[in-house]
Amino acid sequence: MNETEPHGTTPGAGGTAAWVRVETIIRRKDGTIREHLIEEGASGRYATVVNKALEMIPKLIVGISTAPFTYMANGTGSTAEGNAQTALVAENTTGGMARKVAGVAYEADYKCAWEAAWTASGAQSVREIGIFDGVIPGNMMIRHVYAATKNLADAESITCRLRYTQGRAA
């Protein structure tokens, strides 16, 4: 599957679908890249846009009270992604890994992106990442579980970039 093809059930000819691409860069203490990957979810697909997002996105479009999804968080949970999930399984909150406001951007042709970087204070692990509309707890929009845990040594950093694309279903 490539970035231009949505996954999952399509709503019919001319309908719309959304998909999320995840890019991750891990840097050593000296700033050199140790790992750079573009990974599909552990379930063999892109990150999951959860059910709560299906409620909140239309509310954002029409101006009903909800905050924009501008926060990113990471955690150590390895439970498979699921549509009904409302939070990360085990969110990191210490060691330089706490939830933060992400850099956000609209990219031409139906795409938006989030990017955040965390620097480990002591040894840290990341297995899941998510997009939220606020500080803890907030509403989760997207959850991604890596196929394998990303272990960070003290002063190493992890940068996560998620790109959400809304497009026509095949």
N, C-alpha and C. Protein backbone atom coordinates (compact mmCIF):
# COMPACT_ATOMS: atom_id res chain seq x y z
N MET A 1 0.86 -1.18 0.00
CA MET A 1 0.00 0.00 0.00
C MET A 1 0.89 1.23 0.00
N ASN A 2 0.57 2.21 -0.82
CA ASN A 2 1.36 3.43 -0.82
C ASN A 2 0.53 4.59 -0.28
N GLU A 3 1.18 5.75 -0.12
CA GLU A 3 0.53 6.88 0.52
C GLU A 3 -0.70 7.38 -0.21
N THR A 4 -0.84 7.12 -1.48
CA THR A 4 -1.97 7.66 -2.22
C THR A 4 -3.19 6.74 -2.20
N GLU A 5 -3.09 5.61 -1.52
CA GLU A 5 -4.21 4.68 -1.48
C GLU A 5 -4.76 4.57 -0.07
N PRO A 6 -6.02 4.90 0.14
CA PRO A 6 -6.61 4.74 1.47
C PRO A 6 -6.80 3.27 1.79
N HIS A 7 -6.93 2.96 3.07
CA HIS A 7 -7.19 1.59 3.48
C HIS A 7 -8.59 1.48 4.05
N GLY A 8 -9.03 0.30 4.27
CA GLY A 8 -10.31 0.07 4.93
C GLY A 8 -11.47 0.06 3.96
N THR A 9 -12.65 0.07 4.52
CA THR A 9 -13.86 0.01 3.73
C THR A 9 -14.10 1.34 3.04
N THR A 10 -14.43 1.31 1.78
CA THR A 10 -14.71 2.54 1.05
C THR A 10 -16.21 2.78 1.04
N PRO A 11 -16.65 4.03 1.10
CA PRO A 11 -18.07 4.34 1.17
C PRO A 11 -18.79 4.27 -0.18
N GLY A 12 -18.11 3.85 -1.22
CA GLY A 12 -18.75 3.77 -2.54
C GLY A 12 -18.10 4.74 -3.51
N ALA A 13 -18.43 4.59 -4.76
CA ALA A 13 -17.84 5.42 -5.81
C ALA A 13 -18.06 6.89 -5.50
N GLY A 14 -16.99 7.67 -5.56
CA GLY A 14 -17.08 9.11 -5.34
C GLY A 14 -17.09 9.49 -3.87
N GLY A 15 -17.13 8.52 -2.95
CA GLY A 15 -17.12 8.82 -1.52
C GLY A 15 -15.75 9.29 -1.08
N THR A 16 -15.59 9.55 0.20
CA THR A 16 -14.31 9.99 0.71
C THR A 16 -13.75 8.98 1.70
N ALA A 17 -12.46 9.06 1.90
CA ALA A 17 -11.77 8.22 2.86
C ALA A 17 -10.60 9.03 3.41
N ALA A 18 -10.10 8.63 4.58
CA ALA A 18 -8.97 9.31 5.19
C ALA A 18 -7.92 8.28 5.56
N TRP A 19 -6.65 8.68 5.49
CA TRP A 19 -5.57 7.81 5.93
C TRP A 19 -4.47 8.65 6.51
N VAL A 20 -3.62 8.00 7.33
CA VAL A 20 -2.56 8.70 8.06
C VAL A 20 -1.24 7.98 7.85
N ARG A 21 -0.25 8.74 7.46
CA ARG A 21 1.12 8.23 7.25
C ARG A 21 1.96 8.67 8.43
N VAL A 22 2.84 7.79 8.94
CA VAL A 22 3.66 8.08 10.11
C VAL A 22 5.14 8.02 9.73
N GLU A 23 5.85 9.09 10.03
CA GLU A 23 7.30 9.14 9.81
C GLU A 23 7.98 9.39 11.15
N THR A 24 9.05 8.68 11.40
CA THR A 24 9.74 8.78 12.69
C THR A 24 11.24 8.87 12.47
N ILE A 25 11.87 9.78 13.21
CA ILE A 25 13.33 9.92 13.17
C ILE A 25 13.85 9.86 14.61
N ILE A 26 14.81 8.99 14.85
CA ILE A 26 15.47 8.91 16.15
C ILE A 26 16.90 9.40 15.96
N ARG A 27 17.28 10.35 16.83
CA ARG A 27 18.61 10.95 16.74
C ARG A 27 19.42 10.62 18.00
N ARG A 28 20.70 10.37 17.76
CA ARG A 28 21.63 10.17 18.86
C ARG A 28 21.85 11.50 19.59
N LYS A 29 22.50 11.42 20.71
CA LYS A 29 22.81 12.61 21.50
C LYS A 29 23.55 13.67 20.68
N ASP A 30 24.41 13.23 19.74
CA ASP A 30 25.18 14.19 18.92
C ASP A 30 24.39 14.73 17.74
N GLY A 31 23.12 14.32 17.59
CA GLY A 31 22.26 14.82 16.53
C GLY A 31 22.24 13.99 15.26
N THR A 32 23.12 13.01 15.14
CA THR A 32 23.12 12.16 13.95
C THR A 32 21.92 11.21 13.99
N ILE A 33 21.43 10.85 12.83
CA ILE A 33 20.24 10.00 12.74
C ILE A 33 20.63 8.55 13.00
N ARG A 34 19.96 7.94 13.96
CA ARG A 34 20.14 6.52 14.28
C ARG A 34 19.13 5.67 13.54
N GLU A 35 17.91 6.20 13.37
CA GLU A 35 16.85 5.45 12.69
C GLU A 35 15.89 6.43 12.03
N HIS A 36 15.50 6.14 10.79
CA HIS A 36 14.52 6.94 10.06
C HIS A 36 13.58 5.96 9.39
N LEU A 37 12.32 6.02 9.75
CA LEU A 37 11.40 5.06 9.16
C LEU A 37 10.06 5.69 8.84
N ILE A 38 9.44 5.11 7.85
CA ILE A 38 8.05 5.40 7.51
C ILE A 38 7.36 4.06 7.67
N GLU A 39 6.51 3.97 8.69
CA GLU A 39 5.99 2.68 9.09
C GLU A 39 4.47 2.66 9.05
N GLU A 40 3.94 1.58 8.56
CA GLU A 40 2.52 1.33 8.68
C GLU A 40 2.27 0.82 10.09
N GLY A 41 1.02 0.87 10.53
CA GLY A 41 0.68 0.42 11.87
C GLY A 41 1.03 -1.03 12.09
N ALA A 42 1.16 -1.40 13.35
CA ALA A 42 1.49 -2.78 13.70
C ALA A 42 0.44 -3.75 13.16
N SER A 43 -0.76 -3.25 12.90
CA SER A 43 -1.82 -4.10 12.37
C SER A 43 -1.71 -4.27 10.86
N GLY A 44 -0.66 -3.71 10.25
CA GLY A 44 -0.47 -3.84 8.81
C GLY A 44 -1.16 -2.76 8.01
N ARG A 45 -1.50 -1.66 8.66
CA ARG A 45 -2.14 -0.55 7.97
C ARG A 45 -1.65 0.75 8.57
N TYR A 46 -2.09 1.84 8.00
CA TYR A 46 -1.71 3.14 8.53
C TYR A 46 -2.32 3.35 9.92
N ALA A 47 -1.92 4.44 10.59
CA ALA A 47 -2.46 4.76 11.91
C ALA A 47 -3.98 4.82 11.86
N THR A 48 -4.61 4.56 13.00
CA THR A 48 -6.06 4.50 13.08
C THR A 48 -6.66 5.86 13.43
N VAL A 49 -7.60 6.31 12.63
CA VAL A 49 -8.44 7.47 12.97
C VAL A 49 -9.58 6.88 13.81
N VAL A 50 -9.62 7.22 15.10
CA VAL A 50 -10.55 6.57 16.02
C VAL A 50 -11.97 7.15 15.91
N ASN A 51 -12.92 6.43 16.48
CA ASN A 51 -14.33 6.82 16.40
C ASN A 51 -14.59 8.24 16.89
N LYS A 52 -13.93 8.65 17.98
CA LYS A 52 -14.15 9.99 18.53
C LYS A 52 -13.84 11.06 17.48
N ALA A 53 -12.84 10.80 16.64
CA ALA A 53 -12.50 11.75 15.58
C ALA A 53 -13.64 11.87 14.58
N LEU A 54 -14.33 10.76 14.32
CA LEU A 54 -15.45 10.80 13.38
C LEU A 54 -16.57 11.70 13.90
N GLU A 55 -16.66 11.85 15.20
CA GLU A 55 -17.61 12.80 15.80
C GLU A 55 -17.06 14.22 15.79
N MET A 56 -15.79 14.37 16.16
CA MET A 56 -15.23 15.70 16.38
C MET A 56 -14.92 16.45 15.08
N ILE A 57 -14.51 15.76 14.03
CA ILE A 57 -14.16 16.44 12.77
C ILE A 57 -15.37 17.19 12.20
N PRO A 58 -16.55 16.59 12.08
CA PRO A 58 -17.71 17.37 11.60
C PRO A 58 -18.05 18.55 12.52
N LYS A 59 -17.86 18.38 13.83
CA LYS A 59 -18.10 19.49 14.75
C LYS A 59 -17.15 20.65 14.47
N LEU A 60 -15.89 20.34 14.20
CA LEU A 60 -14.93 21.39 13.84
C LEU A 60 -15.35 22.12 12.57
N ILE A 61 -15.82 21.36 11.59
CA ILE A 61 -16.20 21.96 10.31
C ILE A 61 -17.32 22.98 10.48
N VAL A 62 -18.29 22.69 11.34
CA VAL A 62 -19.43 23.60 11.49
C VAL A 62 -19.32 24.53 12.70
N GLY A 63 -18.18 24.49 13.40
CA GLY A 63 -17.96 25.43 14.49
C GLY A 63 -18.63 25.08 15.80
N ILE A 64 -19.06 23.84 15.96
CA ILE A 64 -19.61 23.39 17.25
C ILE A 64 -18.44 23.23 18.21
N SER A 65 -18.67 23.53 19.47
CA SER A 65 -17.58 23.60 20.43
C SER A 65 -16.70 22.35 20.49
N THR A 66 -15.54 22.48 19.96
CA THR A 66 -14.46 21.50 20.12
C THR A 66 -13.16 22.20 19.77
N ALA A 67 -12.11 21.76 20.39
CA ALA A 67 -10.80 22.37 20.15
C ALA A 67 -10.12 21.68 18.98
N PRO A 68 -9.24 22.40 18.28
CA PRO A 68 -8.49 21.74 17.20
C PRO A 68 -7.54 20.69 17.78
N PHE A 69 -7.21 19.72 16.97
CA PHE A 69 -6.31 18.64 17.37
C PHE A 69 -4.88 19.10 17.14
N THR A 70 -4.24 19.62 18.19
CA THR A 70 -2.90 20.19 18.05
C THR A 70 -1.89 19.61 19.03
N TYR A 71 -2.26 18.59 19.78
CA TYR A 71 -1.36 17.99 20.76
C TYR A 71 -0.92 16.61 20.31
N MET A 72 0.34 16.27 20.61
CA MET A 72 0.86 14.93 20.36
C MET A 72 1.34 14.34 21.67
N ALA A 73 1.14 13.02 21.78
CA ALA A 73 1.61 12.29 22.96
C ALA A 73 2.21 10.98 22.49
N ASN A 74 3.03 10.40 23.35
CA ASN A 74 3.60 9.09 23.07
C ASN A 74 3.47 8.23 24.31
N GLY A 75 3.59 6.93 24.12
CA GLY A 75 3.46 6.03 25.25
C GLY A 75 4.14 4.70 24.98
N THR A 76 3.94 3.77 25.90
CA THR A 76 4.59 2.47 25.82
C THR A 76 3.61 1.33 25.55
N GLY A 77 2.33 1.62 25.38
CA GLY A 77 1.34 0.58 25.16
C GLY A 77 1.52 -0.14 23.84
N SER A 78 1.31 -1.45 23.87
CA SER A 78 1.47 -2.25 22.66
C SER A 78 0.15 -2.88 22.20
N THR A 79 -0.94 -2.57 22.88
CA THR A 79 -2.25 -3.08 22.46
C THR A 79 -2.53 -2.63 21.03
N ALA A 80 -3.06 -3.53 20.22
CA ALA A 80 -3.36 -3.21 18.82
C ALA A 80 -4.27 -1.99 18.72
N GLU A 81 -4.12 -1.23 17.64
CA GLU A 81 -4.97 -0.07 17.39
C GLU A 81 -6.42 -0.53 17.25
N GLY A 82 -7.35 0.30 17.74
CA GLY A 82 -8.76 -0.03 17.63
C GLY A 82 -9.60 1.22 17.46
N ASN A 83 -10.67 1.10 16.70
CA ASN A 83 -11.53 2.26 16.41
C ASN A 83 -12.14 2.89 17.66
N ALA A 84 -12.44 2.10 18.67
CA ALA A 84 -13.13 2.61 19.85
C ALA A 84 -12.19 3.18 20.92
N GLN A 85 -10.90 3.15 20.71
CA GLN A 85 -9.97 3.65 21.71
C GLN A 85 -10.11 5.15 21.89
N THR A 86 -9.95 5.61 23.14
CA THR A 86 -10.10 7.03 23.46
C THR A 86 -8.84 7.64 24.06
N ALA A 87 -7.82 6.81 24.29
CA ALA A 87 -6.57 7.29 24.89
C ALA A 87 -5.45 6.33 24.52
N LEU A 88 -4.23 6.79 24.70
CA LEU A 88 -3.11 5.87 24.57
C LEU A 88 -3.21 4.85 25.70
N VAL A 89 -2.67 3.67 25.50
CA VAL A 89 -2.75 2.62 26.50
C VAL A 89 -1.90 2.95 27.71
N ALA A 90 -0.69 3.47 27.49
CA ALA A 90 0.22 3.79 28.60
C ALA A 90 1.02 5.04 28.22
N GLU A 91 0.40 6.20 28.38
CA GLU A 91 1.02 7.46 27.96
C GLU A 91 2.23 7.81 28.81
N ASN A 92 3.32 8.21 28.16
CA ASN A 92 4.50 8.71 28.86
C ASN A 92 4.21 10.12 29.37
N THR A 93 4.54 10.39 30.62
CA THR A 93 4.31 11.72 31.18
C THR A 93 5.54 12.30 31.86
N THR A 94 6.63 11.55 31.91
CA THR A 94 7.85 12.01 32.57
C THR A 94 9.05 11.75 31.66
N GLY A 95 10.22 12.12 32.13
CA GLY A 95 11.46 11.81 31.42
C GLY A 95 11.61 12.54 30.09
N GLY A 96 10.99 13.74 29.98
CA GLY A 96 11.08 14.51 28.76
C GLY A 96 10.12 14.07 27.67
N MET A 97 9.20 13.16 27.99
CA MET A 97 8.35 12.54 26.98
C MET A 97 6.88 12.95 27.09
N ALA A 98 6.55 13.96 27.88
CA ALA A 98 5.16 14.34 28.12
C ALA A 98 4.47 14.92 26.88
N ARG A 99 3.14 14.84 26.90
CA ARG A 99 2.30 15.40 25.82
C ARG A 99 2.68 16.86 25.60
N LYS A 100 2.63 17.28 24.32
CA LYS A 100 3.00 18.66 23.99
C LYS A 100 2.22 19.17 22.79
N VAL A 101 2.24 20.48 22.63
CA VAL A 101 1.66 21.09 21.45
C VAL A 101 2.57 20.77 20.28
N ALA A 102 1.99 20.28 19.20
CA ALA A 102 2.75 19.92 18.01
C ALA A 102 2.82 21.09 17.04
N GLY A 103 3.83 21.07 16.21
CA GLY A 103 3.83 21.95 15.05
C GLY A 103 2.79 21.41 14.09
N VAL A 104 1.94 22.26 13.58
CA VAL A 104 0.87 21.81 12.67
C VAL A 104 0.93 22.61 11.38
N ALA A 105 0.45 21.99 10.29
CA ALA A 105 0.47 22.67 9.01
C ALA A 105 -0.60 22.08 8.11
N TYR A 106 -1.14 22.93 7.24
CA TYR A 106 -1.97 22.44 6.15
C TYR A 106 -1.05 22.29 4.96
N GLU A 107 -1.09 21.14 4.34
CA GLU A 107 -0.31 20.89 3.14
C GLU A 107 -1.28 20.79 1.98
N ALA A 108 -0.94 21.37 0.87
CA ALA A 108 -1.84 21.41 -0.28
C ALA A 108 -2.42 20.04 -0.61
N ASP A 109 -3.56 20.08 -1.25
CA ASP A 109 -4.23 18.88 -1.72
C ASP A 109 -4.69 17.96 -0.60
N TYR A 110 -5.47 18.51 0.32
CA TYR A 110 -6.24 17.72 1.28
C TYR A 110 -5.43 17.09 2.40
N LYS A 111 -4.29 17.66 2.73
CA LYS A 111 -3.43 17.07 3.75
C LYS A 111 -3.15 18.06 4.87
N CYS A 112 -3.06 17.53 6.08
CA CYS A 112 -2.54 18.31 7.20
C CYS A 112 -1.51 17.45 7.92
N ALA A 113 -0.65 18.09 8.69
CA ALA A 113 0.43 17.36 9.33
C ALA A 113 0.68 17.88 10.74
N TRP A 114 1.15 16.98 11.57
CA TRP A 114 1.58 17.29 12.93
C TRP A 114 3.02 16.82 13.07
N GLU A 115 3.81 17.55 13.83
CA GLU A 115 5.17 17.13 14.12
C GLU A 115 5.56 17.55 15.53
N ALA A 116 6.17 16.63 16.26
CA ALA A 116 6.67 16.92 17.60
C ALA A 116 7.94 16.12 17.83
N ALA A 117 8.82 16.66 18.67
CA ALA A 117 10.05 15.98 19.02
C ALA A 117 10.18 15.96 20.54
N TRP A 118 10.66 14.86 21.04
CA TRP A 118 10.91 14.69 22.47
C TRP A 118 12.35 14.27 22.66
N THR A 119 13.00 14.78 23.71
CA THR A 119 14.35 14.37 24.07
C THR A 119 14.29 13.64 25.40
N ALA A 120 14.81 12.42 25.40
CA ALA A 120 14.74 11.57 26.59
C ALA A 120 15.63 12.08 27.70
N SER A 121 15.09 12.07 28.89
CA SER A 121 15.85 12.33 30.10
C SER A 121 15.95 10.98 30.81
N GLY A 122 17.09 10.33 30.66
CA GLY A 122 17.22 8.94 31.09
C GLY A 122 16.70 8.03 30.00
N ALA A 123 16.83 6.75 30.19
CA ALA A 123 16.35 5.78 29.19
C ALA A 123 14.83 5.83 29.12
N GLN A 124 14.29 5.88 27.89
CA GLN A 124 12.84 5.96 27.67
C GLN A 124 12.46 5.02 26.53
N SER A 125 11.18 4.68 26.46
CA SER A 125 10.66 3.82 25.40
C SER A 125 9.41 4.44 24.80
N VAL A 126 9.24 4.23 23.49
CA VAL A 126 8.04 4.69 22.79
C VAL A 126 7.54 3.52 21.95
N ARG A 127 6.26 3.18 22.09
CA ARG A 127 5.65 2.14 21.27
C ARG A 127 4.40 2.65 20.56
N GLU A 128 3.81 3.75 21.08
CA GLU A 128 2.57 4.29 20.52
C GLU A 128 2.64 5.81 20.50
N ILE A 129 1.93 6.41 19.55
CA ILE A 129 1.81 7.86 19.50
C ILE A 129 0.35 8.21 19.18
N GLY A 130 -0.04 9.42 19.57
CA GLY A 130 -1.41 9.83 19.32
C GLY A 130 -1.54 11.33 19.13
N ILE A 131 -2.65 11.72 18.51
CA ILE A 131 -3.01 13.12 18.29
C ILE A 131 -4.24 13.42 19.14
N PHE A 132 -4.22 14.56 19.84
CA PHE A 132 -5.28 14.93 20.78
C PHE A 132 -5.69 16.38 20.59
N ASP A 133 -6.86 16.74 21.17
CA ASP A 133 -7.33 18.12 21.10
C ASP A 133 -7.04 18.91 22.36
N GLY A 134 -6.29 18.35 23.29
CA GLY A 134 -5.98 19.08 24.50
C GLY A 134 -5.03 18.32 25.39
N VAL A 135 -4.78 18.92 26.56
CA VAL A 135 -3.96 18.26 27.56
C VAL A 135 -4.72 17.07 28.11
N ILE A 136 -4.07 16.31 28.95
CA ILE A 136 -4.67 15.09 29.48
C ILE A 136 -5.98 15.42 30.18
N PRO A 137 -7.12 14.75 29.85
CA PRO A 137 -7.16 13.61 28.94
C PRO A 137 -7.29 14.03 27.47
N GLY A 138 -8.10 15.03 27.15
CA GLY A 138 -8.29 15.41 25.75
C GLY A 138 -8.98 14.32 24.96
N ASN A 139 -9.45 14.67 23.77
CA ASN A 139 -10.06 13.71 22.86
C ASN A 139 -9.00 13.23 21.87
N MET A 140 -8.88 11.92 21.72
CA MET A 140 -7.89 11.38 20.79
C MET A 140 -8.49 11.29 19.40
N MET A 141 -7.71 11.70 18.41
CA MET A 141 -8.11 11.62 17.00
C MET A 141 -7.47 10.43 16.30
N ILE A 142 -6.18 10.23 16.56
CA ILE A 142 -5.39 9.22 15.85
C ILE A 142 -4.52 8.48 16.86
N ARG A 143 -4.39 7.16 16.64
CA ARG A 143 -3.44 6.36 17.43
C ARG A 143 -2.65 5.48 16.47
N HIS A 144 -1.34 5.41 16.72
CA HIS A 144 -0.45 4.55 15.95
C HIS A 144 0.39 3.73 16.90
N VAL A 145 0.50 2.43 16.62
CA VAL A 145 1.36 1.54 17.39
C VAL A 145 2.48 1.06 16.47
N TYR A 146 3.71 1.29 16.90
CA TYR A 146 4.85 0.82 16.13
C TYR A 146 4.93 -0.70 16.19
N ALA A 147 5.50 -1.30 15.16
CA ALA A 147 5.69 -2.75 15.12
C ALA A 147 6.66 -3.21 16.21
N ALA A 148 7.58 -2.34 16.59
CA ALA A 148 8.54 -2.64 17.65
C ALA A 148 8.77 -1.40 18.50
N THR A 149 9.10 -1.60 19.75
CA THR A 149 9.39 -0.51 20.68
C THR A 149 10.61 0.27 20.22
N LYS A 150 10.53 1.58 20.33
CA LYS A 150 11.64 2.48 20.02
C LYS A 150 12.28 2.86 21.36
N ASN A 151 13.46 2.30 21.64
CA ASN A 151 14.16 2.58 22.89
C ASN A 151 15.12 3.74 22.69
N LEU A 152 15.08 4.67 23.62
CA LEU A 152 15.93 5.86 23.57
C LEU A 152 16.86 5.87 24.77
N ALA A 153 18.14 6.13 24.52
CA ALA A 153 19.09 6.35 25.60
C ALA A 153 18.96 7.79 26.08
N ASP A 154 19.55 8.09 27.21
CA ASP A 154 19.54 9.46 27.73
C ASP A 154 20.03 10.44 26.67
N ALA A 155 19.29 11.52 26.49
CA ALA A 155 19.60 12.62 25.57
C ALA A 155 19.38 12.28 24.10
N GLU A 156 18.89 11.08 23.77
CA GLU A 156 18.48 10.81 22.39
C GLU A 156 17.09 11.40 22.19
N SER A 157 16.75 11.67 20.93
CA SER A 157 15.45 12.29 20.65
C SER A 157 14.69 11.47 19.62
N ILE A 158 13.38 11.63 19.68
CA ILE A 158 12.49 11.02 18.69
C ILE A 158 11.60 12.12 18.13
N THR A 159 11.53 12.20 16.81
CA THR A 159 10.66 13.15 16.13
C THR A 159 9.61 12.35 15.38
N CYS A 160 8.35 12.68 15.61
CA CYS A 160 7.24 11.99 14.95
C CYS A 160 6.48 12.98 14.09
N ARG A 161 6.20 12.55 12.86
CA ARG A 161 5.43 13.37 11.93
C ARG A 161 4.30 12.52 11.39
N LEU A 162 3.08 12.99 11.58
CA LEU A 162 1.90 12.32 11.05
C LEU A 162 1.28 13.19 10.00
N ARG A 163 0.91 12.58 8.87
CA ARG A 163 0.25 13.32 7.79
C ARG A 163 -1.11 12.67 7.56
N TYR A 164 -2.16 13.46 7.74
CA TYR A 164 -3.54 13.05 7.55
C TYR A 164 -3.97 13.50 6.17
N THR A 165 -4.48 12.58 5.37
CA THR A 165 -4.96 12.89 4.03
C THR A 165 -6.43 12.53 3.91
N GLN A 166 -7.20 13.47 3.44
CA GLN A 166 -8.61 13.24 3.13
C GLN A 166 -8.70 13.17 1.61
N GLY A 167 -9.29 12.15 1.07
CA GLY A 167 -9.33 12.02 -0.38
C GLY A 167 -10.53 11.24 -0.85
N ARG A 168 -10.62 11.06 -2.13
CA ARG A 168 -11.69 10.28 -2.75
C ARG A 168 -11.40 8.80 -2.60
N ALA A 169 -12.41 8.06 -2.22
CA ALA A 169 -12.28 6.61 -2.12
C ALA A 169 -12.23 6.01 -3.52
N ALA A 170 -11.54 4.91 -3.60
CA ALA A 170 -11.43 4.23 -4.91
C ALA A 170 -12.75 3.61 -5.32
